[in-house]
């Protein structure tokens, strides 16, 4: 049976942080691959322009690499990266020239919506304690799913397998895979509603 273990995940992340501090480019690459999509979808909720969001996320990882020596061994890399991305988004949204560029590029977004996005971002708590609570709740929620539903979701969101690959591996249909993922996402939306938008990447 697949178990999501926060302690095991944290040990792996702690090891990556330690390696990153020692200039390990491979550790940086692993962190990049593991967190890029999470940060991308988080930022995209507030700045609906993919090119700009890609630049924001790239800036986040550039900052991580440049400041790697300043990281503490117990740094919560989740909180660290989301805080940088949050601040990068706020910096751009507060910049009048930048926000006007967003409005001109995306006619569907108004200045009022940008101001609302700024307020939502300002209220988003990305400190270590919040992420520790969030990680525990995600772990409990996923481990509470029916065995096959959990197995499918883990393969999809944590192993990055496509629905077709999951179906082939578990010898079930793609429709059944989609059904399990939908059920898992519905459960997570209910249980994690107080932590939005920090977990929006799970719902993509």
Protein backbone atom coordinates (compact mmCIF):
# COMPACT_ATOMS: atom_id res chain seq x y z
CA UNK A 1 0.00 0.00 0.00
CA UNK A 2 1.29 3.48 -0.88
CA UNK A 3 1.70 5.77 2.14
CA UNK A 4 2.36 9.50 2.00
CA UNK A 5 4.80 10.20 4.80
CA UNK A 6 5.52 13.82 5.69
CA UNK A 7 8.55 12.90 7.77
CA UNK A 8 10.11 10.98 4.88
CA UNK A 9 9.39 13.81 2.45
CA UNK A 10 10.85 16.35 4.87
CA UNK A 11 14.00 14.26 5.33
CA UNK A 12 14.46 14.19 1.56
CA UNK A 13 13.93 17.95 1.29
CA UNK A 14 16.28 18.64 4.19
CA UNK A 15 18.94 16.58 2.43
CA UNK A 16 18.37 18.55 -0.79
CA UNK A 17 18.71 21.86 1.06
CA UNK A 18 21.98 20.73 2.65
CA UNK A 19 23.29 19.60 -0.73
CA UNK A 20 22.17 22.85 -2.35
CA UNK A 21 24.12 24.85 0.25
CA UNK A 22 27.17 22.87 -0.83
CA UNK A 23 26.72 24.01 -4.45
CA UNK A 24 25.16 20.73 -5.60
CA UNK A 25 23.60 21.59 -8.98
CA UNK A 26 21.84 18.21 -9.09
CA UNK A 27 20.00 19.07 -5.85
CA UNK A 28 18.97 22.40 -7.39
CA UNK A 29 17.67 20.60 -10.48
CA UNK A 30 15.58 18.21 -8.34
CA UNK A 31 14.08 21.10 -6.36
CA UNK A 32 13.39 22.95 -9.61
CA UNK A 33 11.55 20.00 -11.15
CA UNK A 34 9.62 19.28 -7.96
CA UNK A 35 8.41 22.82 -7.33
CA UNK A 36 8.25 24.56 -10.70
CA UNK A 37 4.67 23.60 -11.58
CA UNK A 38 3.43 24.33 -8.05
CA UNK A 39 4.85 27.84 -8.10
CA UNK A 40 3.73 28.41 -11.69
CA UNK A 41 0.06 27.62 -11.01
CA UNK A 42 0.16 29.59 -7.76
CA UNK A 43 1.43 32.72 -9.53
CA UNK A 44 -0.88 32.20 -12.51
CA UNK A 45 -3.90 32.62 -10.23
CA UNK A 46 -2.88 36.24 -9.65
CA UNK A 47 -1.12 37.12 -12.89
CA UNK A 48 -3.03 35.42 -15.75
CA UNK A 49 -0.27 35.78 -18.30
CA UNK A 50 1.94 32.74 -18.78
CA UNK A 51 5.02 34.53 -20.12
CA UNK A 52 5.11 36.88 -17.15
CA UNK A 53 4.52 34.05 -14.69
CA UNK A 54 7.33 32.01 -16.22
CA UNK A 55 9.66 34.98 -15.64
CA UNK A 56 8.47 35.29 -12.04
CA UNK A 57 9.11 31.63 -11.29
CA UNK A 58 12.49 31.75 -12.98
CA UNK A 59 13.36 34.75 -10.79
CA UNK A 60 12.32 32.71 -7.75
CA UNK A 61 14.73 29.90 -8.57
CA UNK A 62 17.48 32.35 -9.48
CA UNK A 63 17.07 33.90 -6.04
CA UNK A 64 17.20 30.44 -4.44
CA UNK A 65 20.48 29.66 -6.17
CA UNK A 66 22.04 33.04 -5.45
CA UNK A 67 21.11 32.86 -1.76
CA UNK A 68 21.77 29.15 -1.25
CA UNK A 69 24.61 29.83 1.20
CA UNK A 70 22.20 31.73 3.45
CA UNK A 71 19.78 28.80 3.82
CA UNK A 72 19.51 27.16 7.22
CA UNK A 73 19.65 23.36 7.38
CA UNK A 74 16.06 23.23 8.63
CA UNK A 75 14.72 25.63 6.01
CA UNK A 76 11.19 24.67 4.90
CA UNK A 77 11.80 24.85 1.17
CA UNK A 78 8.03 24.93 0.51
CA UNK A 79 7.56 28.06 2.60
CA UNK A 80 10.79 29.60 1.30
CA UNK A 81 9.92 29.25 -2.40
CA UNK A 82 6.27 30.24 -2.04
CA UNK A 83 7.23 33.33 -0.03
CA UNK A 84 9.68 34.46 -2.72
CA UNK A 85 7.10 33.82 -5.46
CA UNK A 86 4.42 35.64 -3.50
CA UNK A 87 6.69 38.66 -3.03
CA UNK A 88 7.71 38.58 -6.70
CA UNK A 89 4.04 38.65 -7.70
CA UNK A 90 3.26 41.50 -5.31
CA UNK A 91 6.22 43.53 -6.55
CA UNK A 92 4.99 43.30 -10.13
CA UNK A 93 1.30 43.82 -9.40
CA UNK A 94 2.05 46.94 -7.35
CA UNK A 95 4.11 48.36 -10.21
CA UNK A 96 1.74 50.54 -12.25
CA UNK A 97 3.61 50.06 -15.52
CA UNK A 98 3.67 46.29 -15.04
CA UNK A 99 0.00 46.04 -14.01
CA UNK A 100 -1.05 48.12 -17.03
CA UNK A 101 0.90 45.75 -19.25
CA UNK A 102 -1.09 42.86 -17.77
CA UNK A 103 -4.39 44.67 -18.38
CA UNK A 104 -3.46 45.48 -21.99
CA UNK A 105 -2.32 41.92 -22.63
CA UNK A 106 -5.29 40.30 -20.91
CA UNK A 107 -8.41 42.33 -21.65
CA UNK A 108 -10.37 40.00 -19.35
CA UNK A 109 -8.69 41.39 -16.22
CA UNK A 110 -9.34 44.84 -14.78
CA UNK A 111 -7.50 47.14 -12.41
CA UNK A 112 -10.04 46.26 -9.71
CA UNK A 113 -9.23 42.56 -10.10
CA UNK A 114 -5.53 43.32 -9.83
CA UNK A 115 -6.14 45.20 -6.57
CA UNK A 116 -8.16 42.26 -5.25
CA UNK A 117 -5.34 39.90 -6.23
CA UNK A 118 -2.88 42.10 -4.35
CA UNK A 119 -5.04 41.95 -1.21
CA UNK A 120 -5.41 38.17 -1.52
CA UNK A 121 -1.65 37.74 -1.90
CA UNK A 122 -0.95 40.05 1.04
CA UNK A 123 -3.26 37.89 3.18
CA UNK A 124 -1.73 34.60 2.01
CA UNK A 125 0.32 33.19 4.89
CA UNK A 126 3.46 31.43 3.65
CA UNK A 127 5.33 31.00 6.91
CA UNK A 128 6.91 27.74 8.10
CA UNK A 129 4.16 26.92 10.60
CA UNK A 130 1.41 27.21 8.01
CA UNK A 131 3.25 24.92 5.61
CA UNK A 132 3.92 22.39 8.35
CA UNK A 133 0.20 22.34 9.17
CA UNK A 134 -0.65 22.12 5.47
CA UNK A 135 1.74 19.23 4.85
CA UNK A 136 0.26 17.29 7.79
CA UNK A 137 -3.29 17.88 6.56
CA UNK A 138 -2.41 16.84 2.99
CA UNK A 139 -0.76 13.69 4.33
CA UNK A 140 -3.77 12.78 6.48
CA UNK A 141 -6.23 13.54 3.69
CA UNK A 142 -4.44 11.49 1.04
CA UNK A 143 -3.86 8.57 3.41
CA UNK A 144 -7.57 8.59 4.28
CA UNK A 145 -8.60 8.02 0.65
CA UNK A 146 -9.72 4.54 -0.46
CA UNK A 147 -6.60 2.47 -1.36
CA UNK A 148 -7.02 2.49 -5.15
CA UNK A 149 -8.07 6.16 -5.20
CA UNK A 150 -4.98 7.09 -3.20
CA UNK A 151 -2.73 4.97 -5.39
CA UNK A 152 -4.00 6.66 -8.54
CA UNK A 153 -3.68 10.16 -7.06
CA UNK A 154 -0.15 9.57 -5.81
CA UNK A 155 0.95 8.26 -9.19
CA UNK A 156 -0.63 11.29 -10.86
CA UNK A 157 0.44 14.13 -8.58
CA UNK A 158 3.58 12.79 -6.91
CA UNK A 159 5.01 10.51 -9.59
CA UNK A 160 3.90 12.76 -12.50
CA UNK A 161 2.47 9.87 -14.51
CA UNK A 162 -0.08 10.58 -17.23
CA UNK A 163 -3.56 9.06 -16.96
CA UNK A 164 -2.74 6.62 -19.75
CA UNK A 165 0.43 5.47 -17.98
CA UNK A 166 -1.47 4.99 -14.71
CA UNK A 167 -4.17 3.02 -16.47
CA UNK A 168 -1.60 0.73 -18.06
CA UNK A 169 0.35 0.25 -14.83
CA UNK A 170 -2.75 -0.56 -12.74
CA UNK A 171 -4.58 -2.36 -15.56
CA UNK A 172 -7.65 -0.16 -15.36
CA UNK A 173 -9.32 2.17 -17.85
CA UNK A 174 -8.43 5.83 -18.23
CA UNK A 175 -12.02 6.72 -17.28
CA UNK A 176 -11.57 4.93 -13.96
CA UNK A 177 -8.30 6.82 -13.44
CA UNK A 178 -10.10 10.11 -14.09
CA UNK A 179 -12.85 9.12 -11.67
CA UNK A 180 -10.37 8.38 -8.88
CA UNK A 181 -8.48 11.63 -9.44
CA UNK A 182 -11.72 13.65 -9.41
CA UNK A 183 -12.76 11.99 -6.15
CA UNK A 184 -9.37 12.71 -4.55
CA UNK A 185 -9.41 16.35 -5.69
CA UNK A 186 -12.94 16.85 -4.35
CA UNK A 187 -11.87 15.53 -0.95
CA UNK A 188 -8.77 17.73 -0.93
CA UNK A 189 -10.74 20.83 -1.92
CA UNK A 190 -13.06 20.31 1.03
CA UNK A 191 -10.33 19.55 3.57
CA UNK A 192 -7.87 22.19 2.37
CA UNK A 193 -10.29 25.06 1.70
CA UNK A 194 -8.73 27.16 4.46
CA UNK A 195 -5.32 26.95 2.78
CA UNK A 196 -6.21 28.22 -0.66
CA UNK A 197 -4.51 29.47 -2.81
CA UNK A 198 -1.38 27.72 -1.53
CA UNK A 199 -2.57 24.30 -2.72
CA UNK A 200 -4.09 25.28 -6.06
CA UNK A 201 -1.32 23.39 -7.86
CA UNK A 202 -2.85 20.15 -6.57
CA UNK A 203 -6.11 20.90 -8.36
CA UNK A 204 -4.70 21.41 -11.84
